[in-house]
Protein backbone atom coordinates (compact mmCIF):
# COMPACT_ATOMS: atom_id res chain seq x y z
CA MET A 1 -172.84 266.57 53.89
CA LYS A 2 -176.59 266.12 53.80
CA GLU A 3 -178.40 265.58 57.08
CA MET A 4 -179.66 262.00 57.12
CA LEU A 5 -183.29 261.13 57.68
CA ASN A 6 -183.68 257.89 59.65
CA ILE A 7 -186.60 255.79 58.40
CA ALA A 8 -187.98 252.71 60.18
CA LEU A 9 -189.53 250.16 57.81
CA PRO A 10 -191.67 247.21 58.94
CA LYS A 11 -190.05 243.87 58.05
CA GLY A 12 -191.91 241.60 55.64
CA ARG A 13 -194.23 241.99 52.66
CA LEU A 14 -195.69 245.28 53.82
CA GLY A 15 -192.21 246.74 54.30
CA GLU A 16 -191.26 245.82 50.74
CA LYS A 17 -194.35 247.65 49.43
CA VAL A 18 -193.55 250.62 51.65
CA TYR A 19 -189.94 250.77 50.47
CA ALA A 20 -191.16 250.66 46.83
CA MET A 21 -193.24 253.77 47.61
CA PHE A 22 -190.24 255.60 49.09
CA GLU A 23 -188.23 254.62 46.01
CA GLN A 24 -190.96 255.92 43.66
CA ALA A 25 -191.13 259.10 45.72
CA GLY A 26 -187.46 259.75 44.89
CA PHE A 27 -185.71 258.33 47.97
CA PRO A 28 -184.05 255.15 46.71
CA CYS A 29 -181.42 253.07 48.47
CA PRO A 30 -180.24 250.33 46.06
CA SER A 31 -178.30 248.39 48.73
CA ILE A 32 -181.58 247.51 50.46
CA LYS A 33 -182.34 245.11 47.60
CA GLU A 34 -179.10 243.16 47.96
CA ASN A 35 -179.45 239.67 49.33
CA ASN A 36 -177.80 240.02 52.73
CA ARG A 37 -178.60 240.12 56.42
CA LYS A 38 -177.88 243.78 56.97
CA LEU A 39 -180.54 245.75 58.81
CA ILE A 40 -179.38 249.32 58.10
CA PHE A 41 -178.97 250.81 54.61
CA GLU A 42 -178.11 254.35 53.61
CA ASN A 43 -177.97 256.53 50.54
CA GLN A 44 -176.10 259.73 51.38
CA GLU A 45 -177.03 261.38 48.09
CA ALA A 46 -180.74 260.97 48.81
CA GLY A 47 -180.15 261.79 52.50
CA VAL A 48 -181.92 258.66 53.78
CA ARG A 49 -180.98 255.83 56.14
CA TYR A 50 -183.45 252.93 56.22
CA PHE A 51 -183.63 250.13 58.75
CA TRP A 52 -185.85 247.07 59.10
CA VAL A 53 -187.61 246.43 62.41
CA LYS A 54 -190.47 244.26 63.62
CA PRO A 55 -193.75 245.94 62.50
CA SER A 56 -195.01 246.35 66.06
CA ASP A 57 -191.72 248.10 67.03
CA VAL A 58 -191.73 250.82 64.34
CA ALA A 59 -193.77 253.22 66.48
CA ILE A 60 -191.37 252.77 69.42
CA TYR A 61 -188.33 253.67 67.29
CA VAL A 62 -190.15 256.73 65.96
CA GLU A 63 -191.58 257.82 69.32
CA ARG A 64 -188.16 257.65 71.01
CA GLY A 65 -186.34 259.39 68.16
CA ALA A 66 -184.17 256.52 66.88
CA ALA A 67 -186.15 256.99 63.65
CA ASP A 68 -187.38 260.34 62.33
CA ILE A 69 -190.22 258.75 60.38
CA GLY A 70 -191.60 255.26 59.87
CA VAL A 71 -194.59 253.26 58.72
CA ALA A 72 -196.90 251.55 61.20
CA GLY A 73 -200.33 249.93 61.01
CA LYS A 74 -203.29 251.88 62.36
CA ASP A 75 -203.89 248.93 64.74
CA ILE A 76 -200.55 249.62 66.47
CA LEU A 77 -201.31 253.35 66.75
CA LEU A 78 -204.74 252.70 68.27
CA GLU A 79 -203.51 249.99 70.65
CA TYR A 80 -200.32 251.59 71.98
CA ARG A 81 -201.08 255.29 71.35
CA PRO A 82 -197.45 256.31 70.80
CA GLN A 83 -196.64 260.01 71.02
CA VAL A 84 -196.02 260.51 67.29
CA TYR A 85 -197.56 262.51 64.48
CA GLU A 86 -199.69 260.50 62.05
CA LEU A 87 -198.96 262.17 58.72
CA LEU A 88 -200.59 260.10 55.99
CA ASP A 89 -202.72 257.05 55.25
CA LEU A 90 -200.61 255.16 52.68
CA ASP A 91 -203.64 253.17 51.51
CA ILE A 92 -201.73 249.85 51.62
CA GLY A 93 -201.71 246.95 54.07
CA LYS A 94 -205.48 247.25 54.21
CA CYS A 95 -207.48 244.98 56.49
CA ARG A 96 -209.89 245.47 59.39
CA MET A 97 -210.13 244.95 63.11
CA ALA A 98 -213.20 242.81 63.67
CA VAL A 99 -215.21 240.82 66.20
CA ALA A 100 -215.55 237.15 65.29
CA ALA A 101 -217.53 234.40 66.97
CA PRO A 102 -218.42 230.73 66.41
CA ALA A 103 -221.00 230.36 63.63
CA GLY A 104 -224.49 230.85 65.06
CA PHE A 105 -223.29 232.58 68.27
CA ARG A 106 -225.93 234.76 69.94
CA ASP A 107 -224.75 237.38 72.41
CA ASP A 108 -226.66 237.47 75.71
CA PRO A 109 -226.43 241.10 76.93
CA ASN A 110 -227.35 239.99 80.48
CA ARG A 111 -224.02 238.31 81.03
CA THR A 112 -220.41 239.50 80.78
CA LEU A 113 -218.98 238.90 77.32
CA ARG A 114 -215.60 237.13 77.35
CA VAL A 115 -213.34 238.63 74.68
CA ALA A 116 -210.00 237.09 73.66
CA THR A 117 -207.62 239.47 71.88
CA LYS A 118 -204.09 240.74 71.38
CA PHE A 119 -205.58 244.24 71.14
CA SER A 120 -206.93 244.82 74.65
CA ARG A 121 -207.19 248.61 74.45
CA ILE A 122 -208.98 248.61 71.07
CA ALA A 123 -211.42 245.95 72.31
CA ARG A 124 -212.03 247.77 75.59
CA ASP A 125 -212.65 251.11 73.84
CA TYR A 126 -214.97 249.51 71.30
CA TYR A 127 -217.19 247.78 73.87
CA ALA A 128 -217.08 250.78 76.23
CA GLY A 129 -218.64 252.76 73.37
CA GLN A 130 -221.50 250.24 73.37
CA GLY A 131 -221.79 250.20 77.16
CA ARG A 132 -221.17 246.44 77.06
CA ASP A 133 -219.75 244.66 80.12
CA ILE A 134 -216.76 242.54 79.03
CA ASP A 135 -213.99 240.38 80.42
CA ILE A 136 -210.78 240.81 78.38
CA ILE A 137 -208.59 237.74 77.98
CA HIS A 138 -205.26 239.00 76.61
CA LEU A 139 -203.54 236.42 74.41
CA ASN A 140 -200.40 236.66 72.27
CA GLY A 141 -200.73 233.58 70.06
CA SER A 142 -203.45 232.08 67.88
CA ILE A 143 -206.59 233.86 69.03
CA GLU A 144 -208.96 231.72 66.92
CA ILE A 145 -208.62 228.74 69.24
CA ALA A 146 -210.01 230.60 72.29
CA PRO A 147 -213.75 230.35 71.50
CA ILE A 148 -213.36 226.80 70.18
CA LEU A 149 -211.97 225.67 73.53
CA GLY A 150 -214.51 227.72 75.50
CA LEU A 151 -211.94 230.18 76.84
CA SER A 152 -213.84 233.11 75.31
CA ASP A 153 -217.18 233.89 73.65
CA VAL A 154 -215.72 236.05 70.88
CA ILE A 155 -212.38 237.32 69.60
CA VAL A 156 -211.24 240.77 68.45
CA ASP A 157 -208.51 240.45 65.85
CA ILE A 158 -207.19 241.64 62.50
CA VAL A 159 -209.02 240.09 59.56
CA GLU A 160 -207.62 240.16 56.03
CA THR A 161 -209.30 237.46 53.97
CA GLY A 162 -211.23 235.66 56.73
CA THR A 163 -209.90 232.25 55.56
CA THR A 164 -208.43 231.33 58.97
CA LEU A 165 -211.75 232.19 60.62
CA LYS A 166 -213.75 230.02 58.20
CA GLU A 167 -211.37 227.10 58.68
CA ASN A 168 -212.02 227.33 62.42
CA ASN A 169 -215.81 227.69 62.02
CA LEU A 170 -215.76 231.33 63.11
CA GLU A 171 -217.41 234.29 61.37
CA VAL A 172 -217.08 238.06 61.54
CA THR A 173 -220.00 239.58 63.44
CA GLU A 174 -218.90 243.24 63.59
CA THR A 175 -216.20 245.46 62.10
CA VAL A 176 -214.45 247.51 64.79
CA VAL A 177 -212.27 249.75 62.61
CA PRO A 178 -210.60 249.68 59.16
CA ILE A 179 -206.81 249.31 59.28
CA SER A 180 -204.08 250.43 56.88
CA ALA A 181 -200.43 251.51 56.95
CA ARG A 182 -199.70 255.07 58.14
CA LEU A 183 -196.68 257.32 57.71
CA ILE A 184 -195.69 258.58 61.17
CA ALA A 185 -193.11 261.09 62.42
CA ASN A 186 -191.20 261.77 65.60
CA LYS A 187 -192.51 265.02 67.08
CA ALA A 188 -189.09 266.67 67.54
CA SER A 189 -187.88 265.50 64.12
CA PHE A 190 -190.98 266.96 62.50
CA LYS A 191 -189.94 270.30 63.93
CA PHE A 192 -186.18 270.17 63.34
CA LYS A 193 -186.07 268.16 60.10
CA ASN A 194 -189.31 269.56 58.74
CA GLU A 195 -188.11 270.27 55.21
CA PRO A 196 -187.01 266.73 54.22
CA ILE A 197 -189.99 265.18 56.05
CA GLU A 198 -192.44 267.50 54.26
CA LYS A 199 -190.78 266.66 50.95
CA ILE A 200 -191.28 262.91 51.53
CA LEU A 201 -194.82 263.52 52.77
CA GLN A 202 -195.79 265.48 49.65
CA GLN A 203 -194.31 262.89 47.28
CA MET A 204 -195.96 260.00 49.14
CA ALA A 205 -199.30 261.84 49.13
CA VAL A 206 -199.10 262.09 45.33
CA LEU A 207 -198.51 258.30 45.12
CA THR A 208 -201.52 257.49 47.32
CA GLU A 209 -203.79 259.61 45.13
CA ARG A 210 -202.95 257.68 41.96
């Protein structure tokens, strides 16, 4: 019997795109497309077992070995720095991490900048690189409301279209880093299941070059 490769997929639209890539790469699992509430799907012939998890949890499953490989956003990798190998930029799920502020905001470098964000480490690293003194306000919900209510001066958040920002009279002032989906691997799995992982990696690399 073939050794199974455990693959963590991010739930949602991105995960569907990611699965389509695995399918094109020659690792299909037809049962994943059935309309049911199952979370784990396997195809023994292809040697793959897929499971859906929350996007921000993919890296944890891979880091701790419950998954051999998975797909996580670059934002998660930068924020949580999991001990995994980043194998490939899949060139999907593209957006950017950006600083946004109320329209017309002028930063006064003589005072501490109050920054609201879900991504405290990314924000801290970014401003440390500028030598800027900041006060991080870590929030988990709608970040856009923070500057409107005077809780923060600016926000650091993921921006796709910028529509939500515009609707709240905010605008992007700086791009921190471009974000996209990355194929990641567990370090031990990469050593002990190298052949099937390399095979997937090569096929996925061909798809991203098209």
